[in-house]
C-alpha atoms as a PDB file:
ATOM      1  CA  GLN A   1      27.230 154.673  49.189  1.00  0.00           C
ATOM      2  CA  VAL A   2      25.859 154.249  52.300  1.00  0.00           C
ATOM      3  CA  GLN A   3      22.861 155.105  53.779  1.00  0.00           C
ATOM      4  CA  LEU A   4      22.187 156.039  57.626  1.00  0.00           C
ATOM      5  CA  VAL A   5      18.665 156.273  59.506  1.00  0.00           C
ATOM      6  CA  GLU A   6      18.662 157.078  63.141  1.00  0.00           C
ATOM      7  CA  SER A   7      16.192 156.317  65.733  1.00  0.00           C
ATOM      8  CA  GLY A   8      15.697 156.288  69.663  1.00  0.00           C
ATOM      9  CA  GLY A   9      15.418 159.979  69.882  1.00  0.00           C
ATOM     10  CA  GLY A  10      13.009 161.509  72.164  1.00  0.00           C
ATOM     11  CA  LEU A  11      12.043 164.098  75.071  1.00  0.00           C
ATOM     12  CA  VAL A  12      13.465 163.033  78.351  1.00  0.00           C
ATOM     13  CA  GLN A  13      13.812 164.121  82.177  1.00  0.00           C
ATOM     14  CA  ALA A  14      17.403 165.336  83.884  1.00  0.00           C
ATOM     15  CA  GLY A  15      18.941 161.954  84.692  1.00  0.00           C
ATOM     16  CA  GLY A  16      16.966 160.034  82.392  1.00  0.00           C
ATOM     17  CA  SER A  17      19.064 157.945  79.489  1.00  0.00           C
ATOM     18  CA  LEU A  18      18.002 157.080  76.057  1.00  0.00           C
ATOM     19  CA  ARG A  19      19.527 154.767  73.869  1.00  0.00           C
ATOM     20  CA  LEU A  20      20.249 156.212  70.159  1.00  0.00           C
ATOM     21  CA  SER A  21      20.429 153.365  66.988  1.00  0.00           C
ATOM     22  CA  CYS A  22      21.902 154.059  63.578  1.00  0.00           C
ATOM     23  CA  ALA A  23      21.032 151.077  60.980  1.00  0.00           C
ATOM     24  CA  ALA A  24      23.362 151.254  57.611  1.00  0.00           C
ATOM     25  CA  SER A  25      22.158 150.208  54.611  1.00  0.00           C
ATOM     26  CA  GLY A  26      24.749 148.039  52.338  1.00  0.00           C
ATOM     27  CA  ARG A  27      27.282 145.642  53.017  1.00  0.00           C
ATOM     28  CA  THR A  28      30.510 147.693  53.437  1.00  0.00           C
ATOM     29  CA  PHE A  29      29.321 148.779  57.277  1.00  0.00           C
ATOM     30  CA  SER A  30      32.352 147.144  58.789  1.00  0.00           C
ATOM     31  CA  SER A  31      34.640 148.902  56.743  1.00  0.00           C
ATOM     32  CA  TYR A  32      33.631 152.417  58.102  1.00  0.00           C
ATOM     33  CA  HIS A  33      34.433 153.894  61.554  1.00  0.00           C
ATOM     34  CA  MET A  34      31.636 155.926  63.185  1.00  0.00           C
ATOM     35  CA  GLY A  35      30.604 158.516  64.840  1.00  0.00           C
ATOM     36  CA  TRP A  36      27.954 160.593  66.748  1.00  0.00           C
ATOM     37  CA  PHE A  37      27.673 164.462  66.470  1.00  0.00           C
ATOM     38  CA  ARG A  38      25.170 166.941  67.695  1.00  0.00           C
ATOM     39  CA  ARG A  39      24.163 169.972  66.733  1.00  0.00           C
ATOM     40  CA  ALA A  40      22.314 172.097  70.036  1.00  0.00           C
ATOM     41  CA  PRO A  41      19.594 175.144  69.152  1.00  0.00           C
ATOM     42  CA  GLY A  42      22.180 177.760  67.416  1.00  0.00           C
ATOM     43  CA  LYS A  43      25.292 176.189  67.652  1.00  0.00           C
ATOM     44  CA  GLU A  44      27.314 174.265  65.298  1.00  0.00           C
ATOM     45  CA  ARG A  45      27.338 170.665  64.676  1.00  0.00           C
ATOM     46  CA  ASP A  46      30.210 169.465  67.202  1.00  0.00           C
ATOM     47  CA  PHE A  47      31.710 166.205  67.520  1.00  0.00           C
ATOM     48  CA  VAL A  48      30.134 163.490  70.538  1.00  0.00           C
ATOM     49  CA  ALA A  49      31.592 160.245  70.041  1.00  0.00           C
ATOM     50  CA  THR A  50      33.450 157.868  67.166  1.00  0.00           C
ATOM     51  CA  ILE A  51      34.611 154.023  67.416  1.00  0.00           C
ATOM     52  CA  THR A  52      36.675 152.369  65.052  1.00  0.00           C
ATOM     53  CA  ARG A  53      35.518 149.783  62.479  1.00  0.00           C
ATOM     54  CA  SER A  54      36.209 146.734  64.845  1.00  0.00           C
ATOM     55  CA  GLY A  55      34.923 148.483  67.813  1.00  0.00           C
ATOM     56  CA  ASP A  56      37.824 148.324  69.439  1.00  0.00           C
ATOM     57  CA  MET A  57      38.614 152.218  70.421  1.00  0.00           C
ATOM     58  CA  THR A  58      36.609 154.831  71.064  1.00  0.00           C
ATOM     59  CA  ARG A  59      36.909 158.614  71.652  1.00  0.00           C
ATOM     60  CA  TYR A  60      34.308 160.932  73.265  1.00  0.00           C
ATOM     61  CA  THR A  61      34.303 164.700  74.259  1.00  0.00           C
ATOM     62  CA  ASP A  62      35.097 165.940  77.233  1.00  0.00           C
ATOM     63  CA  SER A  63      31.423 166.632  78.235  1.00  0.00           C
ATOM     64  CA  VAL A  64      30.357 163.055  77.741  1.00  0.00           C
ATOM     65  CA  LYS A  65      32.381 160.703  79.622  1.00  0.00           C
ATOM     66  CA  GLY A  66      31.412 158.647  81.419  1.00  0.00           C
ATOM     67  CA  ARG A  67      27.666 159.396  80.827  1.00  0.00           C
ATOM     68  CA  PHE A  68      27.541 157.918  76.839  1.00  0.00           C
ATOM     69  CA  THR A  69      28.821 154.929  75.508  1.00  0.00           C
ATOM     70  CA  ILE A  70      29.050 154.360  71.757  1.00  0.00           C
ATOM     71  CA  SER A  71      29.148 150.696  70.208  1.00  0.00           C
ATOM     72  CA  ARG A  72      28.152 148.927  67.070  1.00  0.00           C
ATOM     73  CA  ASP A  73      26.713 145.568  66.143  1.00  0.00           C
ATOM     74  CA  ASN A  74      28.343 144.656  62.898  1.00  0.00           C
ATOM     75  CA  ALA A  75      26.588 141.935  62.310  1.00  0.00           C
ATOM     76  CA  LYS A  76      23.227 144.080  62.268  1.00  0.00           C
ATOM     77  CA  ASN A  77      25.003 147.256  60.616  1.00  0.00           C
ATOM     78  CA  THR A  78      23.986 149.370  63.377  1.00  0.00           C
ATOM     79  CA  VAL A  79      26.112 151.792  65.804  1.00  0.00           C
ATOM     80  CA  TYR A  80      24.568 152.662  69.521  1.00  0.00           C
ATOM     81  CA  LEU A  81      24.951 155.760  71.935  1.00  0.00           C
ATOM     82  CA  GLN A  82      23.936 155.350  75.156  1.00  0.00           C
ATOM     83  CA  MET A  83      23.741 158.138  76.858  1.00  0.00           C
ATOM     84  CA  ASN A  84      22.562 158.180  80.572  1.00  0.00           C
ATOM     85  CA  SER A  85      22.592 160.515  82.943  1.00  0.00           C
ATOM     86  CA  LEU A  86      21.534 162.771  80.684  1.00  0.00           C
ATOM     87  CA  LYS A  87      21.521 166.876  81.411  1.00  0.00           C
ATOM     88  CA  PRO A  88      19.496 170.169  79.990  1.00  0.00           C
ATOM     89  CA  GLU A  89      22.759 171.024  77.729  1.00  0.00           C
ATOM     90  CA  ASP A  90      22.560 167.431  75.980  1.00  0.00           C
ATOM     91  CA  THR A  91      19.211 168.897  74.144  1.00  0.00           C
ATOM     92  CA  ALA A  92      20.080 169.055  70.487  1.00  0.00           C
ATOM     93  CA  VAL A  93      19.560 167.153  67.156  1.00  0.00           C
ATOM     94  CA  TYR A  94      21.843 164.111  67.080  1.00  0.00           C
ATOM     95  CA  TYR A  95      23.848 162.790  63.875  1.00  0.00           C
ATOM     96  CA  CYS A  96      25.029 159.564  63.168  1.00  0.00           C
ATOM     97  CA  ALA A  97      28.039 159.801  60.895  1.00  0.00           C
ATOM     98  CA  ALA A  98      30.645 157.167  59.002  1.00  0.00           C
ATOM     99  CA  GLY A  99      34.310 157.889  57.283  1.00  0.00           C
ATOM    100  CA  SER A 100      37.061 156.060  56.308  1.00  0.00           C
ATOM    101  CA  ASN A 101      39.615 157.634  58.478  1.00  0.00           C
ATOM    102  CA  TRP A 102      39.950 157.551  61.927  1.00  0.00           C
ATOM    103  CA  PRO A 103      39.337 159.505  64.136  1.00  0.00           C
ATOM    104  CA  VAL A 104      35.742 160.564  62.503  1.00  0.00           C
ATOM    105  CA  THR A 105      35.762 164.059  62.970  1.00  0.00           C
ATOM    106  CA  ARG A 106      33.370 165.902  61.132  1.00  0.00           C
ATOM    107  CA  SER A 107      36.171 167.425  58.317  1.00  0.00           C
ATOM    108  CA  ARG A 108      36.541 163.434  57.902  1.00  0.00           C
ATOM    109  CA  VAL A 109      32.619 162.538  57.620  1.00  0.00           C
ATOM    110  CA  GLN A 110      31.359 160.584  54.320  1.00  0.00           C
ATOM    111  CA  TYR A 111      28.417 159.794  55.386  1.00  0.00           C
ATOM    112  CA  TRP A 112      25.454 161.778  57.792  1.00  0.00           C
ATOM    113  CA  GLY A 113      22.154 160.662  58.612  1.00  0.00           C
ATOM    114  CA  GLN A 114      19.388 163.088  58.965  1.00  0.00           C
ATOM    115  CA  GLY A 115      19.302 163.309  62.753  1.00  0.00           C
ATOM    116  CA  THR A 116      16.888 162.522  65.720  1.00  0.00           C
ATOM    117  CA  GLN A 117      15.766 165.338  68.088  1.00  0.00           C
ATOM    118  CA  VAL A 118      16.840 164.291  71.402  1.00  0.00           C
ATOM    119  CA  THR A 119      15.490 166.960  74.501  1.00  0.00           C
ATOM    120  CA  VAL A 120      16.168 166.891  78.120  1.00  0.00           C
ATOM    121  CA  SER A 121      13.976 168.642  80.327  1.00  0.00           C
ATOM    122  CA  SER A 122      15.147 170.064  83.631  1.00  0.00           C
END
């Protein structure tokens, strides 16, 4: 069992930055690939980024490439999402996720966090 707790969301102006963190419980964090997803108002939960167990590979959805960076610190049981050049369309609830299979797509998620709200004002 893995419990995931996100933090770092908030209100930011367009062009600004935020860093989301996701702290995982348990001693098996490094055995999971990790991902970030988001759900905008009235939309489904969509993939944002994913990272391998070791952190040697990452993938991003096209709309965030060059602006967002996913990383992890296995010693701290934490995965991060650095978000730069934020746009109003990035407004969503952001969810941390863990899975055993790569890449971590929505159907492969085994554990979800509770989500953290990110609001980007224009």
